[in-house]
Amino acid sequence: MTTALRTTSLRRRVTVLVIVVLAVVLLGIVLAVNAVFAAETNRDLTAVLADHGRVAVTLARQNVGPKVLLNRVDTDGVRAEIVLVNGQTYGGLPSPSDNVKQATIRLVSRGVLNGARLTLAVATSAIQQAQAQLRGVLLLVGLVALAVTGIVLVVAIRVALKPLAVMTGLARSIAGGGRGRRLSPTDPDTELGRTAAAFDDMLDALEGAEHQARVAEAASRASEERTRRFVADAAHELRTPIAGVQAAAEAVLQQSPEAGQEERDRMHLLLVRESRRAGQLVNDLLDLARIDAGVELTIAPVNLRALADAQAERIRVLAPELTVRVDGPALTVWADEARITQIVANLLDNARKATGPDGHVGVWLRQVATFAELLVTDDGPGVPEAQRDRIFDRLVRLDNARDRRFGGSGLGLPIARGFARAHGGDLACVAPPPADRGAVFRLVLPIRIDPAAATERITRFATGPLPATGPGPSELSGQPETW
């Protein structure tokens, strides 16, 4: 639903409105002044006639003659007429065509004026003329005031509405692609200040949305590029074991009936090894797909120390000459035991391959705040500092990678980190103590979760790096010197 907005010029509307209001006020003032002037004039004329009447009454009681009385009261623009009882008339009144105000008095006297009628009159034409002139002056002054006000309003409104012009220019600049500018009102409590502040908030939201869109687009392109690269690398990795399976199968089929049993067993062993290699790679790819889609975890209490001991014993069986040490308290975490086992097994297998048959591998456990920390160390060639995070990328194998010598696919560590983060923890390669060599991998897992979740199958998502948890690399110096 759209709202129609009147687009009449705000400057014109304000100017016309103010002039109309001012004209109404000036007209009211003219009418009020005219009414007050007329009332005051009428009151003054009435007072003059009353004064002359009192003088006439006083003189009549003193038994003066008509002429004397007439001479005394017929002054200052006041005309008087005396009509005796016998009808004799003294004096005269203004012409009836003149506008006059008059008053009639009956005189009381012991002489000829007893019972006489005195009429006093004053002409009002001059006063009415002055009143008309006053109205004209007021109207003229009002018109001049309106004209001056209109001129001043045009200038004042242009100055007052300058922020709107700035806002308009900013909006056009943004529409043209400009970003980053703001109005920044000095007084956000005024009408224009609130409008400018709301405009700035809108720009913040707009540019924030654009930034998020750009970030999302860049992330989408990067994800698409990683996906393409991953698919290409996965196809390349799968091609080798599949080619091996195919070659071994063809060799078995092409064996002559006279081939010895030893040759047949060797080809069968090669076929089994290559098929297992392809199957393991497929399983790794499936694990990565599950991590991307959301890992389904079966949460239950897991004795992390017992799990580490079991995996260490497995390594001792695989490499009897390897020295494997497990140290630390028994820690129980709420986790998916199969996934945590997969993480620890991967770390120990990597350490076994890196150290060689007569190396040393250590597993250290401790509690840090509400997290359990498991460190896996070895005395192999180690991982360069610049590559310690890159080795968790998919299908990444360093030039001197420890797994290249053993046919690794470069998927074990990404899978392990994904499972760790799906539990709300993390997995990282950290720096070893200054006096030691080799690699140190740190697994951090939360010790407790909501107990109600322990009886349910819940889904967690690995959505990216978590905040730093547990101790930093500098704190590893507190571990035993002999690992």
Protein backbone atom coordinates (compact mmCIF):
# COMPACT_ATOMS: atom_id res chain seq x y z
CA MET A 1 0.00 0.00 0.00
CA THR A 2 1.44 3.36 -1.03
CA THR A 3 0.80 6.75 0.59
CA ALA A 4 0.43 9.77 -1.71
CA LEU A 5 2.67 12.68 -0.66
CA ARG A 6 1.72 16.23 -1.56
CA THR A 7 4.61 17.71 -3.47
CA THR A 8 3.71 21.42 -3.27
CA SER A 9 6.78 23.50 -2.46
CA LEU A 10 7.22 23.58 1.30
CA ARG A 11 8.74 27.07 1.04
CA ARG A 12 5.72 28.35 -0.89
CA ARG A 13 3.25 26.67 1.43
CA VAL A 14 4.87 28.08 4.56
CA THR A 15 5.16 31.57 3.05
CA VAL A 16 1.52 31.68 1.93
CA LEU A 17 0.31 30.26 5.22
CA VAL A 18 2.26 32.79 7.30
CA ILE A 19 1.11 35.72 5.12
CA VAL A 20 -2.51 34.60 5.35
CA VAL A 21 -2.26 34.29 9.12
CA LEU A 22 -0.56 37.69 9.35
CA ALA A 23 -3.22 39.29 7.11
CA VAL A 24 -6.00 37.91 9.32
CA VAL A 25 -4.21 39.20 12.42
CA LEU A 26 -3.68 42.66 10.87
CA LEU A 27 -7.32 42.84 9.80
CA GLY A 28 -8.39 41.94 13.31
CA ILE A 29 -6.10 44.66 14.67
CA VAL A 30 -7.60 47.26 12.28
CA LEU A 31 -11.13 46.32 13.25
CA ALA A 32 -10.25 46.32 16.94
CA VAL A 33 -8.51 49.71 16.76
CA ASN A 34 -11.45 51.19 14.80
CA ALA A 35 -13.93 49.88 17.35
CA VAL A 36 -11.87 51.15 20.28
CA PHE A 37 -11.44 54.56 18.59
CA ALA A 38 -15.18 54.85 17.92
CA ALA A 39 -16.03 53.88 21.49
CA GLU A 40 -13.56 56.33 22.98
CA THR A 41 -14.77 59.14 20.69
CA ASN A 42 -18.40 58.50 21.61
CA ARG A 43 -17.50 58.46 25.29
CA ASP A 44 -15.59 61.76 24.94
CA LEU A 45 -18.50 63.45 23.10
CA THR A 46 -20.93 62.24 25.73
CA ALA A 47 -18.67 63.65 28.46
CA VAL A 48 -18.46 67.03 26.65
CA LEU A 49 -22.24 67.25 26.29
CA ALA A 50 -22.66 66.26 29.95
CA ASP A 51 -20.22 68.98 31.10
CA HIS A 52 -22.04 71.64 29.09
CA GLY A 53 -25.37 70.42 30.40
CA ARG A 54 -24.18 70.70 34.02
CA VAL A 55 -22.99 74.24 33.33
CA ALA A 56 -26.39 75.12 31.80
CA VAL A 57 -28.31 73.67 34.76
CA THR A 58 -26.14 75.64 37.20
CA LEU A 59 -26.63 78.90 35.30
CA ALA A 60 -30.40 78.37 35.05
CA ARG A 61 -30.63 78.00 38.84
CA GLN A 62 -28.80 81.34 39.12
CA ASN A 63 -31.67 82.98 37.14
CA VAL A 64 -29.45 84.17 34.25
CA GLY A 65 -31.03 85.22 30.99
CA PRO A 66 -31.29 82.99 27.91
CA LYS A 67 -28.64 84.89 26.00
CA VAL A 68 -26.13 84.74 28.81
CA LEU A 69 -26.69 81.00 29.23
CA LEU A 70 -26.42 80.47 25.47
CA ASN A 71 -23.16 82.37 25.31
CA ARG A 72 -21.71 80.18 28.06
CA VAL A 73 -22.63 76.78 26.65
CA ASP A 74 -22.41 77.37 22.91
CA THR A 75 -18.60 76.93 22.70
CA ASP A 76 -15.84 74.40 21.69
CA GLY A 77 -17.82 73.01 18.78
CA VAL A 78 -20.93 72.46 20.90
CA ARG A 79 -24.05 74.12 19.51
CA ALA A 80 -26.96 74.97 21.78
CA GLU A 81 -30.64 75.82 21.27
CA ILE A 82 -33.01 77.14 24.00
CA VAL A 83 -36.76 76.94 23.52
CA LEU A 84 -38.71 78.82 26.18
CA VAL A 85 -42.07 77.77 27.44
CA ASN A 86 -43.74 80.43 25.34
CA GLY A 87 -42.02 79.05 22.22
CA GLN A 88 -39.37 81.68 21.86
CA THR A 89 -36.10 80.19 20.52
CA TYR A 90 -32.51 81.23 21.14
CA GLY A 91 -29.50 79.82 19.27
CA GLY A 92 -29.53 77.03 16.68
CA LEU A 93 -28.43 73.49 15.94
CA PRO A 94 -26.18 72.14 13.12
CA SER A 95 -27.73 71.22 9.80
CA PRO A 96 -29.57 67.92 9.88
CA SER A 97 -27.36 66.74 7.03
CA ASP A 98 -24.36 66.82 9.37
CA ASN A 99 -23.71 63.86 11.58
CA VAL A 100 -24.38 65.12 15.10
CA LYS A 101 -24.64 63.84 18.62
CA GLN A 102 -27.07 65.72 20.81
CA ALA A 103 -28.58 65.82 24.29
CA THR A 104 -31.79 67.57 25.57
CA ILE A 105 -32.18 69.04 29.09
CA ARG A 106 -35.17 70.60 30.88
CA LEU A 107 -34.05 73.71 32.79
CA VAL A 108 -35.33 74.67 36.24
CA SER A 109 -35.22 78.38 37.17
CA ARG A 110 -37.15 81.05 39.03
CA GLY A 111 -36.94 83.22 35.92
CA VAL A 112 -37.83 82.93 32.25
CA LEU A 113 -35.73 79.79 31.81
CA ASN A 114 -37.96 77.73 34.04
CA GLY A 115 -39.30 74.86 31.99
CA ALA A 116 -37.22 75.82 28.96
CA ARG A 117 -35.81 73.00 26.78
CA LEU A 118 -32.05 73.11 26.17
CA THR A 119 -30.69 71.04 23.26
CA LEU A 120 -26.93 70.55 23.01
CA ALA A 121 -25.40 69.12 19.82
CA VAL A 122 -21.88 68.40 18.57
CA ALA A 123 -20.93 67.60 14.96
CA THR A 124 -19.22 64.18 14.46
CA SER A 125 -18.31 64.47 10.78
CA ALA A 126 -14.74 65.59 11.56
CA ILE A 127 -14.30 62.74 14.00
CA GLN A 128 -15.66 60.22 11.48
CA GLN A 129 -13.29 61.61 8.90
CA ALA A 130 -10.36 61.18 11.29
CA GLN A 131 -11.57 57.66 12.02
CA ALA A 132 -11.62 56.85 8.29
CA GLN A 133 -8.12 58.27 7.90
CA LEU A 134 -6.93 56.10 10.79
CA ARG A 135 -8.40 53.01 9.14
CA GLY A 136 -6.67 53.90 5.90
CA VAL A 137 -3.33 54.36 7.65
CA LEU A 138 -3.72 51.04 9.46
CA LEU A 139 -4.58 49.23 6.24
CA LEU A 140 -1.63 50.79 4.42
CA VAL A 141 0.74 49.89 7.24
CA GLY A 142 -0.68 46.36 7.23
CA LEU A 143 -0.12 45.95 3.49
CA VAL A 144 3.46 47.22 3.80
CA ALA A 145 4.01 44.84 6.72
CA LEU A 146 2.66 41.95 4.65
CA ALA A 147 4.96 42.79 1.76
CA VAL A 148 8.01 43.12 4.00
CA THR A 149 7.06 39.92 5.85
CA GLY A 150 6.75 38.03 2.57
CA ILE A 151 10.23 39.14 1.47
CA VAL A 152 11.75 38.32 4.85
CA LEU A 153 9.97 34.96 4.93
CA VAL A 154 11.40 33.92 1.57
CA VAL A 155 14.93 34.55 2.84
CA ALA A 156 14.33 33.18 6.33
CA ILE A 157 12.64 29.99 5.11
CA ARG A 158 15.42 29.40 2.60
CA VAL A 159 17.91 29.57 5.48
CA ALA A 160 15.69 27.53 7.82
CA LEU A 161 15.15 24.79 5.24
CA LYS A 162 18.79 24.61 4.21
CA PRO A 163 19.18 21.26 6.09
CA LEU A 164 16.48 19.81 3.83
CA ALA A 165 18.46 20.97 0.80
CA VAL A 166 21.55 19.29 2.27
CA MET A 167 19.49 16.14 2.88
CA THR A 168 18.26 16.23 -0.71
CA GLY A 169 21.80 16.61 -2.03
CA LEU A 170 22.96 13.72 0.14
CA ALA A 171 20.11 11.51 -1.06
CA ARG A 172 20.96 12.28 -4.69
CA SER A 173 24.64 11.61 -3.99
CA ILE A 174 23.77 8.22 -2.50
CA ALA A 175 21.49 7.46 -5.44
CA GLY A 176 24.46 8.22 -7.67
CA GLY A 177 26.63 5.69 -5.84
CA GLY A 178 28.21 7.83 -3.11
CA ARG A 179 28.46 6.17 0.30
CA GLY A 180 29.72 7.02 3.76
CA ARG A 181 28.38 10.58 4.14
CA ARG A 182 26.04 11.47 7.01
CA LEU A 183 24.05 14.54 8.08
CA SER A 184 25.12 14.27 11.76
CA PRO A 185 22.65 16.84 13.22
CA THR A 186 24.03 19.01 16.03
CA ASP A 187 20.67 19.07 17.84
CA PRO A 188 18.75 15.82 17.33
CA ASP A 189 15.85 17.01 19.53
CA THR A 190 14.46 19.45 16.93
CA GLU A 191 12.10 18.50 14.11
CA LEU A 192 14.82 18.74 11.45
CA GLY A 193 17.28 17.12 13.84
CA ARG A 194 15.01 14.13 14.34
CA THR A 195 14.44 13.91 10.59
CA ALA A 196 18.18 14.06 9.91
CA ALA A 197 18.88 11.45 12.61
CA ALA A 198 16.23 9.14 11.14
CA PHE A 199 17.77 9.72 7.70
CA ASP A 200 21.22 8.78 9.06
CA ASP A 201 19.76 5.65 10.69
CA MET A 202 18.20 4.71 7.36
CA LEU A 203 21.55 5.19 5.61
CA ASP A 204 23.29 3.06 8.26
CA ALA A 205 20.74 0.29 7.75
CA LEU A 206 20.97 0.62 3.96
CA GLU A 207 24.75 0.54 3.84
CA GLY A 208 24.80 -2.24 6.45
CA ALA A 209 22.44 -4.30 4.30
CA GLU A 210 24.56 -3.58 1.22
CA HIS A 211 27.71 -4.59 3.10
CA GLN A 212 26.09 -7.79 4.29
CA ALA A 213 24.91 -8.48 0.77
CA ARG A 214 28.43 -7.93 -0.56
CA VAL A 215 29.89 -10.12 2.17
CA ALA A 216 27.30 -12.81 1.50
CA GLU A 217 27.97 -12.58 -2.23
CA ALA A 218 31.72 -12.81 -1.66
CA ALA A 219 31.21 -15.72 0.72
CA SER A 220 28.95 -17.39 -1.82
CA ARG A 221 31.52 -16.97 -4.56
CA ALA A 222 34.27 -18.22 -2.27
CA SER A 223 32.13 -21.17 -1.22
CA GLU A 224 31.33 -21.94 -4.82
CA GLU A 225 35.00 -21.74 -5.70
CA ARG A 226 35.91 -23.99 -2.77
CA THR A 227 33.21 -26.43 -3.81
CA ARG A 228 34.49 -26.55 -7.38
CA ARG A 229 38.05 -26.98 -6.17
CA PHE A 230 36.97 -29.62 -3.67
CA VAL A 231 35.05 -31.57 -6.28
CA ALA A 232 38.00 -31.40 -8.65
CA ASP A 233 40.45 -32.45 -5.91
CA ALA A 234 38.12 -35.22 -4.72
CA ALA A 235 37.78 -36.51 -8.27
CA HIS A 236 41.55 -36.41 -8.60
CA GLU A 237 42.04 -38.24 -5.28
CA LEU A 238 39.44 -40.86 -6.16
CA ARG A 239 40.94 -41.44 -9.58
CA THR A 240 44.16 -42.85 -8.11
CA PRO A 241 42.65 -45.64 -5.94
CA ILE A 242 40.01 -46.43 -8.53
CA ALA A 243 42.71 -46.70 -11.17
CA GLY A 244 44.62 -48.98 -8.80
CA VAL A 245 41.55 -51.14 -8.24
CA GLN A 246 40.95 -51.31 -11.97
CA ALA A 247 44.57 -52.17 -12.72
CA ALA A 248 44.67 -54.85 -9.99
CA ALA A 249 41.37 -56.35 -11.18
CA GLU A 250 42.58 -56.44 -14.79
CA ALA A 251 45.83 -58.03 -13.66
CA VAL A 252 43.92 -60.72 -11.76
CA LEU A 253 41.78 -61.45 -14.78
CA GLN A 254 44.78 -61.60 -17.06
CA GLN A 255 46.74 -64.03 -14.88
CA SER A 256 47.50 -67.29 -16.61
CA PRO A 257 46.38 -70.57 -15.06
CA GLU A 258 50.03 -71.41 -14.55
CA ALA A 259 50.59 -68.38 -12.26
CA GLY A 260 51.80 -69.33 -8.82
CA GLN A 261 49.78 -68.94 -5.65
CA GLU A 262 52.17 -66.31 -4.33
CA GLU A 263 51.59 -64.09 -7.35
CA ARG A 264 47.82 -64.56 -7.05
CA ASP A 265 47.92 -63.59 -3.34
CA ARG A 266 49.98 -60.50 -4.09
CA MET A 267 47.51 -59.29 -6.71
CA HIS A 268 44.55 -60.03 -4.43
CA LEU A 269 46.24 -58.09 -1.61
CA LEU A 270 46.85 -55.16 -3.96
CA LEU A 271 43.21 -55.23 -5.03
CA VAL A 272 41.99 -55.25 -1.42
CA ARG A 273 44.35 -52.43 -0.41
CA GLU A 274 43.33 -50.14 -3.27
CA SER A 275 39.64 -50.84 -2.72
CA ARG A 276 39.99 -50.06 0.99
CA ARG A 277 41.79 -46.82 0.10
CA ALA A 278 38.96 -45.79 -2.23
CA GLY A 279 36.36 -46.78 0.37
CA GLN A 280 38.10 -44.75 3.07
CA LEU A 281 38.22 -41.71 0.80
CA VAL A 282 34.52 -42.08 0.03
CA ASN A 283 33.77 -42.36 3.77
CA ASP A 284 35.77 -39.18 4.41
CA LEU A 285 33.86 -37.33 1.71
CA LEU A 286 30.58 -38.51 3.24
CA ASP A 287 31.68 -37.27 6.67
CA LEU A 288 32.46 -33.84 5.20
CA ALA A 289 29.06 -33.77 3.53
CA ARG A 290 27.40 -34.60 6.87
CA ILE A 291 29.35 -31.83 8.58
CA ASP A 292 28.22 -29.31 5.96
CA ALA A 293 24.59 -30.42 6.22
CA GLY A 294 24.55 -30.60 10.04
CA VAL A 295 26.06 -33.38 12.08
CA GLU A 296 23.63 -35.63 13.90
CA LEU A 297 25.13 -36.40 17.29
CA THR A 298 24.13 -38.95 19.92
CA ILE A 299 25.00 -37.17 23.15
CA ALA A 300 25.99 -39.17 26.24
CA PRO A 301 28.62 -39.01 29.01
CA VAL A 302 32.07 -39.91 27.64
CA ASN A 303 35.13 -40.66 29.80
CA LEU A 304 37.74 -38.76 27.83
CA ARG A 305 40.69 -40.27 29.73
CA ALA A 306 39.47 -43.84 29.14
CA LEU A 307 38.93 -43.06 25.46
CA ALA A 308 42.48 -41.66 25.17
CA ASP A 309 43.92 -44.73 26.92
CA ALA A 310 42.13 -47.05 24.51
CA GLN A 311 43.40 -45.20 21.46
CA ALA A 312 46.92 -45.08 22.88
CA GLU A 313 46.84 -48.87 23.34
CA ARG A 314 45.71 -49.24 19.72
CA ILE A 315 48.73 -47.20 18.57
CA ARG A 316 51.05 -49.34 20.72
CA VAL A 317 49.72 -52.43 18.95
CA LEU A 318 50.23 -50.87 15.50
CA ALA A 319 53.70 -49.53 16.35
CA PRO A 320 55.27 -51.54 19.21
CA GLU A 321 58.52 -49.53 19.12
CA LEU A 322 56.69 -46.21 19.47
CA THR A 323 56.56 -44.63 22.94
CA VAL A 324 53.01 -43.46 23.75
CA ARG A 325 52.26 -41.67 27.03
CA VAL A 326 48.86 -40.59 28.40
CA ASP A 327 48.68 -38.27 31.41
CA GLY A 328 45.98 -36.20 33.10
CA PRO A 329 42.84 -36.59 35.21
CA ALA A 330 39.72 -38.50 34.29
CA LEU A 331 37.41 -36.00 32.56
CA THR A 332 33.83 -36.71 31.55
CA VAL A 333 32.31 -34.75 28.67
CA TRP A 334 28.83 -34.84 27.15
CA ALA A 335 29.51 -35.82 23.56
CA ASP A 336 29.04 -38.36 20.78
CA GLU A 337 31.56 -41.05 21.72
CA ALA A 338 31.96 -42.35 18.16
CA ARG A 339 32.79 -38.88 16.81
CA ILE A 340 35.20 -38.04 19.64
CA THR A 341 36.88 -41.41 19.14
CA GLN A 342 37.26 -40.58 15.44
CA ILE A 343 38.90 -37.23 16.32
CA VAL A 344 41.38 -38.70 18.84
CA ALA A 345 42.18 -41.65 16.55
CA ASN A 346 42.93 -39.30 13.68
CA LEU A 347 45.25 -37.16 15.84
CA LEU A 348 47.13 -40.18 17.18
CA ASP A 349 47.43 -41.77 13.73
CA ASN A 350 48.89 -38.52 12.37
CA ALA A 351 51.31 -38.33 15.29
CA ARG A 352 52.38 -41.99 14.77
CA LYS A 353 53.04 -41.40 11.08
CA ALA A 354 54.98 -38.18 11.81
CA THR A 355 57.33 -39.59 14.46
CA GLY A 356 58.35 -42.80 12.76
CA PRO A 357 58.70 -46.19 14.42
CA ASP A 358 60.88 -45.06 17.35
CA GLY A 359 59.32 -41.69 18.17
CA HIS A 360 57.43 -40.33 21.17
CA VAL A 361 53.73 -39.43 21.25
CA GLY A 362 52.05 -37.78 24.22
CA VAL A 363 48.41 -37.28 25.19
CA TRP A 364 47.76 -34.75 27.95
CA LEU A 365 44.40 -33.94 29.53
CA ARG A 366 43.33 -31.14 31.82
CA GLN A 367 40.31 -29.03 32.70
CA VAL A 368 40.24 -25.33 31.86
CA ALA A 369 37.18 -23.53 33.26
CA THR A 370 34.16 -25.40 31.86
CA PHE A 371 36.13 -27.07 29.07
CA ALA A 372 38.16 -30.24 28.79
CA GLU A 373 41.43 -29.89 26.91
CA LEU A 374 43.22 -32.78 25.21
CA LEU A 375 46.69 -32.21 23.76
CA VAL A 376 48.32 -34.63 21.30
CA THR A 377 52.06 -34.05 20.84
CA ASP A 378 54.79 -35.72 18.82
CA ASP A 379 58.48 -35.21 18.16
CA GLY A 380 58.18 -35.28 14.37
CA PRO A 381 59.11 -32.47 11.94
CA GLY A 382 56.24 -30.27 13.16
CA VAL A 383 54.06 -27.85 11.21
CA PRO A 384 55.30 -24.39 10.11
CA GLU A 385 53.55 -21.55 11.90
CA ALA A 386 52.13 -20.10 8.66
CA GLN A 387 50.54 -23.47 7.82
CA ARG A 388 48.99 -24.34 11.20
CA ASP A 389 45.53 -23.22 10.20
CA ARG A 390 45.78 -24.09 6.51
CA ILE A 391 46.21 -27.79 7.26
CA PHE A 392 42.55 -27.83 8.32
CA ASP A 393 41.44 -26.89 4.81
CA ARG A 394 40.05 -29.75 2.78
CA LEU A 395 42.39 -31.79 0.63
CA VAL A 396 45.35 -29.69 1.69
CA ARG A 397 48.70 -31.44 2.00
CA LEU A 398 51.83 -29.43 2.62
CA ASP A 399 54.94 -30.01 0.52
CA ASN A 400 56.58 -31.69 3.51
CA ALA A 401 53.25 -32.91 4.83
CA ARG A 402 53.45 -35.73 7.25
CA ASP A 403 50.59 -37.62 5.65
CA ARG A 404 51.89 -37.48 2.07
CA ARG A 405 54.42 -40.17 2.87
CA PHE A 406 51.62 -42.42 4.08
CA GLY A 407 49.06 -41.82 1.37
CA GLY A 408 46.84 -39.45 3.33
CA SER A 409 44.05 -37.67 1.47
CA GLY A 410 44.11 -34.41 3.45
CA LEU A 411 40.58 -34.90 4.80
CA GLY A 412 41.23 -36.25 8.29
CA LEU A 413 41.94 -32.94 10.03
CA PRO A 414 39.05 -31.01 8.40
CA ILE A 415 36.70 -33.82 9.48
CA ALA A 416 38.10 -33.82 13.01
CA ARG A 417 37.73 -30.03 13.36
CA GLY A 418 34.18 -30.18 11.97
CA PHE A 419 33.18 -32.80 14.56
CA ALA A 420 34.83 -30.78 17.34
CA ARG A 421 32.97 -27.61 16.40
CA ALA A 422 29.73 -29.51 16.04
CA HIS A 423 30.13 -30.34 19.76
CA GLY A 424 30.62 -26.68 20.65
CA GLY A 425 34.40 -27.07 20.95
CA ASP A 426 37.35 -26.61 18.60
CA LEU A 427 40.49 -28.24 17.25
CA ALA A 428 43.65 -26.32 16.42
CA CYS A 429 47.35 -26.81 15.76
CA VAL A 430 49.29 -24.70 18.26
CA ALA A 431 52.92 -23.84 18.81
CA PRO A 432 54.99 -26.29 20.89
CA PRO A 433 56.99 -25.07 23.90
CA PRO A 434 60.17 -23.24 22.88
CA ALA A 435 62.49 -26.07 23.94
CA ASP A 436 60.58 -28.78 22.08
CA ARG A 437 60.05 -29.81 18.50
CA GLY A 438 57.21 -31.53 16.70
CA ALA A 439 53.54 -30.67 16.49
CA VAL A 440 50.91 -29.96 19.14
CA PHE A 441 47.19 -30.39 18.43
CA ARG A 442 44.71 -29.07 20.97
CA LEU A 443 41.17 -30.44 21.23
CA VAL A 444 38.78 -28.42 23.41
CA LEU A 445 35.34 -29.79 24.37
CA PRO A 446 32.66 -28.45 26.72
CA ILE A 447 32.40 -30.55 29.88
CA ARG A 448 28.69 -29.99 30.50
CA ILE A 449 25.64 -29.34 28.37
CA ASP A 450 21.92 -29.26 29.09
CA PRO A 451 21.26 -32.65 30.78
CA ALA A 452 17.90 -32.89 28.99
CA ALA A 453 19.76 -33.03 25.69
CA ALA A 454 21.75 -36.06 26.79
CA THR A 455 18.78 -38.37 26.21
CA GLU A 456 17.93 -37.04 22.78
CA ARG A 457 19.45 -37.22 19.35
CA ILE A 458 20.28 -33.62 18.58
CA THR A 459 21.69 -31.88 15.56
CA ARG A 460 24.52 -29.38 15.70
CA PHE A 461 25.98 -27.39 12.85
CA ALA A 462 29.58 -26.51 12.12
CA THR A 463 29.06 -22.98 10.88
CA GLY A 464 32.56 -21.56 11.12
CA PRO A 465 35.28 -20.73 13.66
CA LEU A 466 34.22 -20.49 17.27
CA PRO A 467 35.46 -17.92 19.79
CA ALA A 468 38.75 -18.79 21.40
CA THR A 469 38.20 -21.25 24.23
CA GLY A 470 40.55 -22.81 26.69
CA PRO A 471 44.20 -21.81 27.12
CA GLY A 472 46.26 -20.14 24.46
CA PRO A 473 49.48 -21.52 22.99
CA SER A 474 51.56 -19.54 25.49
CA GLU A 475 50.08 -21.55 28.36
CA LEU A 476 51.42 -24.83 27.00
CA SER A 477 54.69 -24.13 28.75
CA GLY A 478 53.01 -25.44 31.90
CA GLN A 479 52.91 -28.98 30.47
CA PRO A 480 55.56 -31.57 31.37
CA GLU A 481 58.84 -31.10 29.54
CA THR A 482 59.01 -34.75 28.43
CA TRP A 483 56.12 -35.46 26.08
